[in-house]
Amino acid sequence: MKPIPTKHESETMPRHDLPAQFRLKRRDDFRRVFAGRMSVADGVLRLHGCLSAVNGPRLGLSVSRRLGNAVVRNRYKRLLREAFRESRATIPNLDLVAIPQGRQPPTLADFRTSLVALASRLDKRLHKAPG
């Protein structure tokens, strides 16, 4: 039988979650991002975005049922949140909605690379666009 960790052991474990302040959760936030009609894509992700009203980038996820059952979709979401959490310092101050593309399941490294590159392209397009 596996021993139960004491309170002291569990307190020293690092947390790898994405705090709510870095997530888009409300329908109005998603609508505002999609209303901006600005997106970029590669073979791994489609990224919709707009300038953020808060300090720092925020991420929303939209994972279609076309990609698989709930287990597969939840894995995509976990990987995307982790990729965003790891690269948040290099992502511009944008509100982003990430939509995974393609049938081949990408790795964490694929998502991280794609997310940073697409966010940078999107930031350039948003700052070039009038209005």
Foldseek 3Di string as FASTA:
>chain_A
DDDDDDPVVVVPDDDQADDPVQEDDDPVLVCVQVVVVFWDDDQFKIKTKAAAPDPFHHEYEDEDCVQDDPVLSVVVVVLLRNLCSVCRVLADRIYMYIYTHDNDDDGSVVNNVRVNVRSVVRVVVNVVDDD
